[in-house]
């Protein structure tokens, strides 16, 4: 059973405030590259759940959140450390490169 990693706008503050390392994946169902990245996101969310909280944010359903982080193209990954946005990546990323970005959070 896959872990539920969908983030709703209403849960955003509590997720960011209660976890020191968070990765948000801003995506849309109609976005091809987002779908390509999805298996990697799910795999890492499951594998690294003790180190980092990984959540997906649907930009169509959470437009305010997408606007807050100036998401202009997707997929965009935003990395948080202790409640602050510290890094981001737009476009596809390999699992290896994503792992190294997550490692830098810890």
PDB file of N, CA and C in Angstrom:
ATOM      1  N   UNK A   1       0.848  -1.199   0.000  1.00  0.00           N
ATOM      2  CA  UNK A   1       0.000   0.000   0.000  1.00  0.00           C
ATOM      3  C   UNK A   1       0.881   1.246   0.000  1.00  0.00           C
ATOM      4  N   UNK A   2       0.646   2.108  -0.973  1.00  0.00           N
ATOM      5  CA  UNK A   2       1.428   3.338  -1.067  1.00  0.00           C
ATOM      6  C   UNK A   2       1.020   4.321   0.030  1.00  0.00           C
ATOM      7  N   UNK A   3       2.024   4.996   0.549  1.00  0.00           N
ATOM      8  CA  UNK A   3       1.775   6.019   1.551  1.00  0.00           C
ATOM      9  C   UNK A   3       1.044   7.192   0.881  1.00  0.00           C
ATOM     10  N   UNK A   4       0.121   7.799   1.574  1.00  0.00           N
ATOM     11  CA  UNK A   4      -0.578   8.965   1.016  1.00  0.00           C
ATOM     12  C   UNK A   4       0.347  10.171   1.159  1.00  0.00           C
ATOM     13  N   UNK A   5       0.725  10.729   0.024  1.00  0.00           N
ATOM     14  CA  UNK A   5       1.674  11.841   0.100  1.00  0.00           C
ATOM     15  C   UNK A   5       1.115  13.121  -0.516  1.00  0.00           C
ATOM     16  N   UNK A   6      -0.187  13.128  -0.736  1.00  0.00           N
ATOM     17  CA  UNK A   6      -0.835  14.323  -1.274  1.00  0.00           C
ATOM     18  C   UNK A   6      -0.925  15.374  -0.164  1.00  0.00           C
ATOM     19  N   UNK A   7      -0.527  16.605  -0.459  1.00  0.00           N
ATOM     20  CA  UNK A   7      -0.590  17.670   0.544  1.00  0.00           C
ATOM     21  C   UNK A   7      -1.692  18.649   0.181  1.00  0.00           C
ATOM     22  N   UNK A   8      -2.530  18.939   1.145  1.00  0.00           N
ATOM     23  CA  UNK A   8      -3.568  19.941   0.926  1.00  0.00           C
ATOM     24  C   UNK A   8      -3.108  21.249   1.553  1.00  0.00           C
ATOM     25  N   UNK A   9      -3.590  22.336   0.972  1.00  0.00           N
ATOM     26  CA  UNK A   9      -3.227  23.671   1.435  1.00  0.00           C
ATOM     27  C   UNK A   9      -3.399  23.817   2.943  1.00  0.00           C
ATOM     28  N   UNK A  10      -4.478  23.253   3.473  1.00  0.00           N
ATOM     29  CA  UNK A  10      -4.789  23.401   4.894  1.00  0.00           C
ATOM     30  C   UNK A  10      -3.765  22.702   5.787  1.00  0.00           C
ATOM     31  N   UNK A  11      -3.060  21.699   5.237  1.00  0.00           N
ATOM     32  CA  UNK A  11      -2.073  20.961   6.036  1.00  0.00           C
ATOM     33  C   UNK A  11      -0.666  21.520   5.900  1.00  0.00           C
ATOM     34  N   UNK A  12      -0.489  22.473   4.991  1.00  0.00           N
ATOM     35  CA  UNK A  12       0.851  22.961   4.669  1.00  0.00           C
ATOM     36  C   UNK A  12       1.622  23.439   5.893  1.00  0.00           C
ATOM     37  N   UNK A  13       1.042  24.358   6.668  1.00  0.00           N
ATOM     38  CA  UNK A  13       1.765  24.924   7.810  1.00  0.00           C
ATOM     39  C   UNK A  13       2.187  23.877   8.817  1.00  0.00           C
ATOM     40  N   UNK A  14       1.276  22.951   9.134  1.00  0.00           N
ATOM     41  CA  UNK A  14       1.630  21.948  10.140  1.00  0.00           C
ATOM     42  C   UNK A  14       2.729  21.027   9.635  1.00  0.00           C
ATOM     43  N   UNK A  15       2.708  20.681   8.357  1.00  0.00           N
ATOM     44  CA  UNK A  15       3.762  19.817   7.801  1.00  0.00           C
ATOM     45  C   UNK A  15       5.115  20.527   7.855  1.00  0.00           C
ATOM     46  N   UNK A  16       5.137  21.789   7.435  1.00  0.00           N
ATOM     47  CA  UNK A  16       6.395  22.547   7.410  1.00  0.00           C
ATOM     48  C   UNK A  16       6.909  22.816   8.831  1.00  0.00           C
ATOM     49  N   UNK A  17       5.999  23.147   9.750  1.00  0.00           N
ATOM     50  CA  UNK A  17       6.416  23.495  11.110  1.00  0.00           C
ATOM     51  C   UNK A  17       6.816  22.281  11.944  1.00  0.00           C
ATOM     52  N   UNK A  18       6.229  21.119  11.669  1.00  0.00           N
ATOM     53  CA  UNK A  18       6.465  19.950  12.515  1.00  0.00           C
ATOM     54  C   UNK A  18       7.516  18.980  11.997  1.00  0.00           C
ATOM     55  N   UNK A  19       8.139  19.308  10.884  1.00  0.00           N
ATOM     56  CA  UNK A  19       9.166  18.431  10.311  1.00  0.00           C
ATOM     57  C   UNK A  19      10.359  19.279   9.910  1.00  0.00           C
ATOM     58  N   UNK A  20      11.564  18.844  10.288  1.00  0.00           N
ATOM     59  CA  UNK A  20      12.720  19.681   9.968  1.00  0.00           C
ATOM     60  C   UNK A  20      13.097  19.595   8.487  1.00  0.00           C
ATOM     61  N   UNK A  21      12.892  18.441   7.854  1.00  0.00           N
ATOM     62  CA  UNK A  21      13.230  18.297   6.439  1.00  0.00           C
ATOM     63  C   UNK A  21      11.990  17.936   5.633  1.00  0.00           C
ATOM     64  N   UNK A  22      11.645  18.816   4.683  1.00  0.00           N
ATOM     65  CA  UNK A  22      10.448  18.588   3.866  1.00  0.00           C
ATOM     66  C   UNK A  22      10.778  18.852   2.403  1.00  0.00           C
ATOM     67  N   UNK A  23      10.248  17.994   1.538  1.00  0.00           N
ATOM     68  CA  UNK A  23      10.362  18.192   0.087  1.00  0.00           C
ATOM     69  C   UNK A  23       8.955  18.232  -0.469  1.00  0.00           C
ATOM     70  N   UNK A  24       8.609  19.323  -1.156  1.00  0.00           N
ATOM     71  CA  UNK A  24       7.314  19.420  -1.814  1.00  0.00           C
ATOM     72  C   UNK A  24       7.508  19.296  -3.322  1.00  0.00           C
ATOM     73  N   UNK A  25       6.712  18.428  -3.930  1.00  0.00           N
ATOM     74  CA  UNK A  25       6.728  18.224  -5.369  1.00  0.00           C
ATOM     75  C   UNK A  25       5.478  18.882  -5.940  1.00  0.00           C
ATOM     76  N   UNK A  26       5.652  20.046  -6.562  1.00  0.00           N
ATOM     77  CA  UNK A  26       4.527  20.731  -7.203  1.00  0.00           C
ATOM     78  C   UNK A  26       4.330  20.110  -8.577  1.00  0.00           C
ATOM     79  N   UNK A  27       3.118  19.603  -8.833  1.00  0.00           N
ATOM     80  CA  UNK A  27       2.859  18.841 -10.054  1.00  0.00           C
ATOM     81  C   UNK A  27       1.403  19.043 -10.510  1.00  0.00           C
ATOM     82  N   UNK A  28       1.072  18.472 -11.672  1.00  0.00           N
ATOM     83  CA  UNK A  28      -0.319  18.404 -12.128  1.00  0.00           C
ATOM     84  C   UNK A  28      -0.515  17.057 -12.813  1.00  0.00           C
ATOM     85  N   UNK A  29      -1.756  16.564 -12.765  1.00  0.00           N
ATOM     86  CA  UNK A  29      -2.050  15.255 -13.364  1.00  0.00           C
ATOM     87  C   UNK A  29      -1.811  15.237 -14.872  1.00  0.00           C
ATOM     88  N   UNK A  30      -1.995  16.389 -15.530  1.00  0.00           N
ATOM     89  CA  UNK A  30      -1.861  16.459 -16.986  1.00  0.00           C
ATOM     90  C   UNK A  30      -0.420  16.690 -17.448  1.00  0.00           C
ATOM     91  N   UNK A  31       0.506  16.826 -16.505  1.00  0.00           N
ATOM     92  CA  UNK A  31       1.898  17.166 -16.834  1.00  0.00           C
ATOM     93  C   UNK A  31       2.715  15.892 -17.066  1.00  0.00           C
ATOM     94  N   UNK A  32       3.190  15.681 -18.283  1.00  0.00           N
ATOM     95  CA  UNK A  32       3.969  14.491 -18.638  1.00  0.00           C
ATOM     96  C   UNK A  32       5.215  14.292 -17.780  1.00  0.00           C
ATOM     97  N   UNK A  33       6.098  15.316 -17.718  1.00  0.00           N
ATOM     98  CA  UNK A  33       7.310  15.173 -16.888  1.00  0.00           C
ATOM     99  C   UNK A  33       6.986  14.890 -15.420  1.00  0.00           C
ATOM    100  N   UNK A  34       5.876  15.453 -14.925  1.00  0.00           N
ATOM    101  CA  UNK A  34       5.469  15.198 -13.532  1.00  0.00           C
ATOM    102  C   UNK A  34       5.164  13.716 -13.334  1.00  0.00           C
ATOM    103  N   UNK A  35       4.486  13.114 -14.312  1.00  0.00           N
ATOM    104  CA  UNK A  35       4.139  11.698 -14.233  1.00  0.00           C
ATOM    105  C   UNK A  35       5.397  10.835 -14.309  1.00  0.00           C
ATOM    106  N   UNK A  36       6.377  11.294 -15.088  1.00  0.00           N
ATOM    107  CA  UNK A  36       7.651  10.582 -15.208  1.00  0.00           C
ATOM    108  C   UNK A  36       8.388  10.568 -13.871  1.00  0.00           C
ATOM    109  N   UNK A  37       8.300  11.670 -13.145  1.00  0.00           N
ATOM    110  CA  UNK A  37       8.995  11.818 -11.868  1.00  0.00           C
ATOM    111  C   UNK A  37       8.293  11.081 -10.721  1.00  0.00           C
ATOM    112  N   UNK A  38       6.993  10.842 -10.896  1.00  0.00           N
ATOM    113  CA  UNK A  38       6.166  10.277  -9.829  1.00  0.00           C
ATOM    114  C   UNK A  38       6.700   9.000  -9.176  1.00  0.00           C
ATOM    115  N   UNK A  39       7.104   7.982  -9.946  1.00  0.00           N
ATOM    116  CA  UNK A  39       7.603   6.759  -9.295  1.00  0.00           C
ATOM    117  C   UNK A  39       8.806   7.032  -8.383  1.00  0.00           C
ATOM    118  N   UNK A  40       9.684   7.928  -8.799  1.00  0.00           N
ATOM    119  CA  UNK A  40      10.854   8.283  -7.994  1.00  0.00           C
ATOM    120  C   UNK A  40      10.412   8.961  -6.703  1.00  0.00           C
ATOM    121  N   UNK A  41       9.462   9.881  -6.814  1.00  0.00           N
ATOM    122  CA  UNK A  41       8.948  10.594  -5.635  1.00  0.00           C
ATOM    123  C   UNK A  41       8.341   9.598  -4.649  1.00  0.00           C
ATOM    124  N   UNK A  42       7.515   8.671  -5.166  1.00  0.00           N
ATOM    125  CA  UNK A  42       6.884   7.676  -4.289  1.00  0.00           C
ATOM    126  C   UNK A  42       7.930   6.773  -3.633  1.00  0.00           C
ATOM    127  N   UNK A  43       8.900   6.350  -4.424  1.00  0.00           N
ATOM    128  CA  UNK A  43       9.942   5.457  -3.905  1.00  0.00           C
ATOM    129  C   UNK A  43      10.713   6.138  -2.772  1.00  0.00           C
ATOM    130  N   UNK A  44      11.150   7.377  -2.996  1.00  0.00           N
ATOM    131  CA  UNK A  44      11.932   8.086  -1.989  1.00  0.00           C
ATOM    132  C   UNK A  44      11.090   8.461  -0.775  1.00  0.00           C
ATOM    133  N   UNK A  45       9.819   8.782  -0.988  1.00  0.00           N
ATOM    134  CA  UNK A  45       8.934   9.134   0.131  1.00  0.00           C
ATOM    135  C   UNK A  45       8.839   7.956   1.094  1.00  0.00           C
ATOM    136  N   UNK A  46       8.752   6.770   0.524  1.00  0.00           N
ATOM    137  CA  UNK A  46       8.643   5.563   1.320  1.00  0.00           C
ATOM    138  C   UNK A  46       9.974   5.222   1.991  1.00  0.00           C
ATOM    139  N   UNK A  47      11.030   5.276   1.187  1.00  0.00           N
ATOM    140  CA  UNK A  47      12.355   4.864   1.639  1.00  0.00           C
ATOM    141  C   UNK A  47      12.964   5.818   2.678  1.00  0.00           C
ATOM    142  N   UNK A  48      12.732   7.109   2.509  1.00  0.00           N
ATOM    143  CA  UNK A  48      13.395   8.112   3.352  1.00  0.00           C
ATOM    144  C   UNK A  48      12.479   8.737   4.391  1.00  0.00           C
ATOM    145  N   UNK A  49      11.336   8.078   4.652  1.00  0.00           N
ATOM    146  CA  UNK A  49      10.319   8.691   5.522  1.00  0.00           C
ATOM    147  C   UNK A  49      10.831   9.062   6.910  1.00  0.00           C
ATOM    148  N   UNK A  50      11.900   8.418   7.388  1.00  0.00           N
ATOM    149  CA  UNK A  50      12.438   8.766   8.701  1.00  0.00           C
ATOM    150  C   UNK A  50      13.309  10.019   8.661  1.00  0.00           C
ATOM    151  N   UNK A  51      13.782  10.377   7.459  1.00  0.00           N
ATOM    152  CA  UNK A  51      14.697  11.519   7.329  1.00  0.00           C
ATOM    153  C   UNK A  51      14.033  12.764   6.758  1.00  0.00           C
ATOM    154  N   UNK A  52      13.093  12.559   5.846  1.00  0.00           N
ATOM    155  CA  UNK A  52      12.500  13.701   5.143  1.00  0.00           C
ATOM    156  C   UNK A  52      11.039  13.391   4.826  1.00  0.00           C
ATOM    157  N   UNK A  53      10.194  14.420   4.965  1.00  0.00           N
ATOM    158  CA  UNK A  53       8.785  14.275   4.609  1.00  0.00           C
ATOM    159  C   UNK A  53       8.642  14.742   3.162  1.00  0.00           C
ATOM    160  N   UNK A  54       8.162  13.853   2.310  1.00  0.00           N
ATOM    161  CA  UNK A  54       7.986  14.183   0.896  1.00  0.00           C
ATOM    162  C   UNK A  54       6.493  14.204   0.586  1.00  0.00           C
ATOM    163  N   UNK A  55       6.035  15.342   0.060  1.00  0.00           N
ATOM    164  CA  UNK A  55       4.617  15.514  -0.260  1.00  0.00           C
ATOM    165  C   UNK A  55       4.459  16.046  -1.678  1.00  0.00           C
ATOM    166  N   UNK A  56       3.369  15.633  -2.319  1.00  0.00           N
ATOM    167  CA  UNK A  56       3.023  16.143  -3.644  1.00  0.00           C
ATOM    168  C   UNK A  56       1.977  17.236  -3.480  1.00  0.00           C
ATOM    169  N   UNK A  57       2.126  18.317  -4.262  1.00  0.00           N
ATOM    170  CA  UNK A  57       1.158  19.408  -4.224  1.00  0.00           C
ATOM    171  C   UNK A  57       0.600  19.588  -5.633  1.00  0.00           C
ATOM    172  N   UNK A  58      -0.686  19.309  -5.786  1.00  0.00           N
ATOM    173  CA  UNK A  58      -1.336  19.480  -7.083  1.00  0.00           C
ATOM    174  C   UNK A  58      -1.579  20.975  -7.299  1.00  0.00           C
ATOM    175  N   UNK A  59      -0.933  21.548  -8.318  1.00  0.00           N
ATOM    176  CA  UNK A  59      -1.018  22.999  -8.522  1.00  0.00           C
ATOM    177  C   UNK A  59      -2.421  23.446  -8.936  1.00  0.00           C
ATOM    178  N   UNK A  60      -3.174  22.549  -9.573  1.00  0.00           N
ATOM    179  CA  UNK A  60      -4.543  22.907  -9.972  1.00  0.00           C
ATOM    180  C   UNK A  60      -5.471  22.998  -8.760  1.00  0.00           C
ATOM    181  N   UNK A  61      -5.226  22.164  -7.767  1.00  0.00           N
ATOM    182  CA  UNK A  61      -6.073  22.137  -6.570  1.00  0.00           C
ATOM    183  C   UNK A  61      -5.560  23.061  -5.469  1.00  0.00           C
ATOM    184  N   UNK A  62      -4.307  23.479  -5.558  1.00  0.00           N
ATOM    185  CA  UNK A  62      -3.681  24.307  -4.517  1.00  0.00           C
ATOM    186  C   UNK A  62      -3.011  25.529  -5.138  1.00  0.00           C
ATOM    187  N   UNK A  63      -3.818  26.330  -5.838  1.00  0.00           N
ATOM    188  CA  UNK A  63      -3.252  27.464  -6.577  1.00  0.00           C
ATOM    189  C   UNK A  63      -2.607  28.510  -5.671  1.00  0.00           C
ATOM    190  N   UNK A  64      -3.173  28.711  -4.487  1.00  0.00           N
ATOM    191  CA  UNK A  64      -2.590  29.697  -3.565  1.00  0.00           C
ATOM    192  C   UNK A  64      -1.194  29.276  -3.130  1.00  0.00           C
ATOM    193  N   UNK A  65      -1.048  27.988  -2.848  1.00  0.00           N
ATOM    194  CA  UNK A  65       0.245  27.463  -2.420  1.00  0.00           C
ATOM    195  C   UNK A  65       1.272  27.575  -3.557  1.00  0.00           C
ATOM    196  N   UNK A  66       0.836  27.237  -4.764  1.00  0.00           N
ATOM    197  CA  UNK A  66       1.721  27.356  -5.928  1.00  0.00           C
ATOM    198  C   UNK A  66       2.131  28.817  -6.130  1.00  0.00           C
ATOM    199  N   UNK A  67       1.184  29.724  -5.950  1.00  0.00           N
ATOM    200  CA  UNK A  67       1.484  31.153  -6.109  1.00  0.00           C
ATOM    201  C   UNK A  67       2.451  31.635  -5.033  1.00  0.00           C
ATOM    202  N   UNK A  68       2.274  31.134  -3.813  1.00  0.00           N
ATOM    203  CA  UNK A  68       3.125  31.534  -2.693  1.00  0.00           C
ATOM    204  C   UNK A  68       4.603  31.254  -2.998  1.00  0.00           C
ATOM    205  N   UNK A  69       4.868  30.159  -3.722  1.00  0.00           N
ATOM    206  CA  UNK A  69       6.248  29.804  -4.045  1.00  0.00           C
ATOM    207  C   UNK A  69       6.607  30.134  -5.491  1.00  0.00           C
ATOM    208  N   UNK A  70       5.786  30.980  -6.126  1.00  0.00           N
ATOM    209  CA  UNK A  70       6.043  31.421  -7.506  1.00  0.00           C
ATOM    210  C   UNK A  70       6.301  30.263  -8.462  1.00  0.00           C
ATOM    211  N   UNK A  71       5.481  29.220  -8.343  1.00  0.00           N
ATOM    212  CA  UNK A  71       5.638  28.070  -9.227  1.00  0.00           C
ATOM    213  C   UNK A  71       5.131  28.468 -10.612  1.00  0.00           C
ATOM    214  N   UNK A  72       6.047  28.527 -11.578  1.00  0.00           N
ATOM    215  CA  UNK A  72       5.704  28.934 -12.943  1.00  0.00           C
ATOM    216  C   UNK A  72       5.698  27.748 -13.900  1.00  0.00           C
ATOM    217  N   UNK A  73       6.513  26.749 -13.594  1.00  0.00           N
ATOM    218  CA  UNK A  73       6.515  25.554 -14.420  1.00  0.00           C
ATOM    219  C   UNK A  73       6.659  24.341 -13.518  1.00  0.00           C
ATOM    220  N   UNK A  74       6.191  23.216 -14.024  1.00  0.00           N
ATOM    221  CA  UNK A  74       6.186  22.002 -13.224  1.00  0.00           C
ATOM    222  C   UNK A  74       6.816  20.868 -14.013  1.00  0.00           C
ATOM    223  N   UNK A  75       7.370  19.867 -13.364  1.00  0.00           N
ATOM    224  CA  UNK A  75       7.431  19.754 -11.909  1.00  0.00           C
ATOM    225  C   UNK A  75       8.450  20.711 -11.288  1.00  0.00           C
ATOM    226  N   UNK A  76       8.121  21.225 -10.130  1.00  0.00           N
ATOM    227  CA  UNK A  76       9.073  22.006  -9.336  1.00  0.00           C
ATOM    228  C   UNK A  76       9.139  21.384  -7.948  1.00  0.00           C
ATOM    229  N   UNK A  77      10.359  21.115  -7.503  1.00  0.00           N
ATOM    230  CA  UNK A  77      10.589  20.557  -6.174  1.00  0.00           C
ATOM    231  C   UNK A  77      11.097  21.685  -5.284  1.00  0.00           C
ATOM    232  N   UNK A  78      10.489  21.833  -4.112  1.00  0.00           N
ATOM    233  CA  UNK A  78      10.930  22.858  -3.166  1.00  0.00           C
ATOM    234  C   UNK A  78      11.352  22.152  -1.878  1.00  0.00           C
ATOM    235  N   UNK A  79      12.572  22.444  -1.437  1.00  0.00           N
ATOM    236  CA  UNK A  79      13.166  21.800  -0.264  1.00  0.00           C
ATOM    237  C   UNK A  79      13.109  22.748   0.926  1.00  0.00           C
ATOM    238  N   UNK A  80      12.649  22.239   2.067  1.00  0.00           N
ATOM    239  CA  UNK A  80      12.539  23.040   3.283  1.00  0.00           C
ATOM    240  C   UNK A  80      13.415  22.453   4.371  1.00  0.00           C
ATOM    241  N   UNK A  81      14.078  23.338   5.086  1.00  0.00           N
ATOM    242  CA  UNK A  81      14.885  22.954   6.248  1.00  0.00           C
ATOM    243  C   UNK A  81      14.431  23.841   7.390  1.00  0.00           C
ATOM    244  N   UNK A  82      13.967  23.230   8.471  1.00  0.00           N
ATOM    245  CA  UNK A  82      13.524  23.978   9.644  1.00  0.00           C
ATOM    246  C   UNK A  82      12.548  25.109   9.298  1.00  0.00           C
ATOM    247  N   UNK A  83      11.578  24.790   8.443  1.00  0.00           N
ATOM    248  CA  UNK A  83      10.521  25.744   8.130  1.00  0.00           C
ATOM    249  C   UNK A  83      10.824  26.753   7.044  1.00  0.00           C
ATOM    250  N   UNK A  84      12.047  26.745   6.519  1.00  0.00           N
ATOM    251  CA  UNK A  84      12.411  27.716   5.482  1.00  0.00           C
ATOM    252  C   UNK A  84      12.725  27.017   4.172  1.00  0.00           C
ATOM    253  N   UNK A  85      12.316  27.647   3.083  1.00  0.00           N
ATOM    254  CA  UNK A  85      12.632  27.129   1.753  1.00  0.00           C
ATOM    255  C   UNK A  85      14.123  27.375   1.499  1.00  0.00           C
ATOM    256  N   UNK A  86      14.886  26.290   1.277  1.00  0.00           N
ATOM    257  CA  UNK A  86      16.335  26.428   1.132  1.00  0.00           C
ATOM    258  C   UNK A  86      16.851  26.064  -0.259  1.00  0.00           C
ATOM    259  N   UNK A  87      16.015  25.415  -1.060  1.00  0.00           N
ATOM    260  CA  UNK A  87      16.470  24.988  -2.379  1.00  0.00           C
ATOM    261  C   UNK A  87      15.252  24.657  -3.222  1.00  0.00           C
ATOM    262  N   UNK A  88      15.429  24.692  -4.541  1.00  0.00           N
ATOM    263  CA  UNK A  88      14.352  24.232  -5.410  1.00  0.00           C
ATOM    264  C   UNK A  88      14.953  23.707  -6.709  1.00  0.00           C
ATOM    265  N   UNK A  89      14.163  22.934  -7.414  1.00  0.00           N
ATOM    266  CA  UNK A  89      14.589  22.373  -8.696  1.00  0.00           C
ATOM    267  C   UNK A  89      13.366  22.315  -9.602  1.00  0.00           C
ATOM    268  N   UNK A  90      13.510  22.839 -10.823  1.00  0.00           N
ATOM    269  CA  UNK A  90      12.405  22.798 -11.777  1.00  0.00           C
ATOM    270  C   UNK A  90      12.761  21.856 -12.912  1.00  0.00           C
ATOM    271  N   UNK A  91      11.794  21.023 -13.286  1.00  0.00           N
ATOM    272  CA  UNK A  91      12.001  20.073 -14.377  1.00  0.00           C
ATOM    273  C   UNK A  91      12.338  18.695 -13.843  1.00  0.00           C
ATOM    274  N   UNK A  92      12.617  17.778 -14.770  1.00  0.00           N
ATOM    275  CA  UNK A  92      12.939  16.413 -14.372  1.00  0.00           C
ATOM    276  C   UNK A  92      14.288  16.371 -13.665  1.00  0.00           C
ATOM    277  N   UNK A  93      14.431  15.427 -12.785  1.00  0.00           N
ATOM    278  CA  UNK A  93      15.683  15.240 -12.055  1.00  0.00           C
ATOM    279  C   UNK A  93      15.883  13.737 -11.889  1.00  0.00           C
ATOM    280  N   UNK A  94      17.124  13.287 -11.983  1.00  0.00           N
ATOM    281  CA  UNK A  94      17.378  11.855 -11.810  1.00  0.00           C
ATOM    282  C   UNK A  94      17.251  11.499 -10.333  1.00  0.00           C
ATOM    283  N   UNK A  95      16.996  10.236 -10.068  1.00  0.00           N
ATOM    284  CA  UNK A  95      16.883   9.784  -8.680  1.00  0.00           C
ATOM    285  C   UNK A  95      18.179  10.083  -7.928  1.00  0.00           C
ATOM    286  N   UNK A  96      19.294   9.868  -8.593  1.00  0.00           N
ATOM    287  CA  UNK A  96      20.596  10.098  -7.959  1.00  0.00           C
ATOM    288  C   UNK A  96      20.778  11.560  -7.553  1.00  0.00           C
ATOM    289  N   UNK A  97      20.459  12.467  -8.470  1.00  0.00           N
ATOM    290  CA  UNK A  97      20.601  13.896  -8.162  1.00  0.00           C
ATOM    291  C   UNK A  97      19.617  14.335  -7.088  1.00  0.00           C
ATOM    292  N   UNK A  98      18.411  13.765  -7.127  1.00  0.00           N
ATOM    293  CA  UNK A  98      17.417  14.098  -6.113  1.00  0.00           C
ATOM    294  C   UNK A  98      17.878  13.607  -4.735  1.00  0.00           C
ATOM    295  N   UNK A  99      18.438  12.409  -4.705  1.00  0.00           N
ATOM    296  CA  UNK A  99      18.966  11.880  -3.437  1.00  0.00           C
ATOM    297  C   UNK A  99      20.050  12.794  -2.875  1.00  0.00           C
ATOM    298  N   UNK A 100      20.926  13.294  -3.727  1.00  0.00           N
ATOM    299  CA  UNK A 100      22.010  14.140  -3.215  1.00  0.00           C
ATOM    300  C   UNK A 100      21.462  15.476  -2.706  1.00  0.00           C
ATOM    301  N   UNK A 101      20.419  16.009  -3.344  1.00  0.00           N
ATOM    302  CA  UNK A 101      19.798  17.231  -2.839  1.00  0.00           C
ATOM    303  C   UNK A 101      19.145  16.966  -1.473  1.00  0.00           C
ATOM    304  N   UNK A 102      18.492  15.811  -1.341  1.00  0.00           N
ATOM    305  CA  UNK A 102      17.864  15.460  -0.063  1.00  0.00           C
ATOM    306  C   UNK A 102      18.936  15.258   1.016  1.00  0.00           C
ATOM    307  N   UNK A 103      20.047  14.623   0.638  1.00  0.00           N
ATOM    308  CA  UNK A 103      21.142  14.416   1.602  1.00  0.00           C
ATOM    309  C   UNK A 103      21.667  15.739   2.136  1.00  0.00           C
ATOM    310  N   UNK A 104      21.689  16.758   1.289  1.00  0.00           N
ATOM    311  CA  UNK A 104      22.187  18.074   1.735  1.00  0.00           C
ATOM    312  C   UNK A 104      21.243  18.716   2.754  1.00  0.00           C
ATOM    313  N   UNK A 105      19.983  18.299   2.762  1.00  0.00           N
ATOM    314  CA  UNK A 105      19.018  18.829   3.743  1.00  0.00           C
ATOM    315  C   UNK A 105      19.341  18.361   5.147  1.00  0.00           C
ATOM    316  N   UNK A 106      19.809  17.118   5.248  1.00  0.00           N
ATOM    317  CA  UNK A 106      19.958  16.470   6.563  1.00  0.00           C
ATOM    318  C   UNK A 106      21.095  17.074   7.382  1.00  0.00           C
TER     319      UNK A 106
END
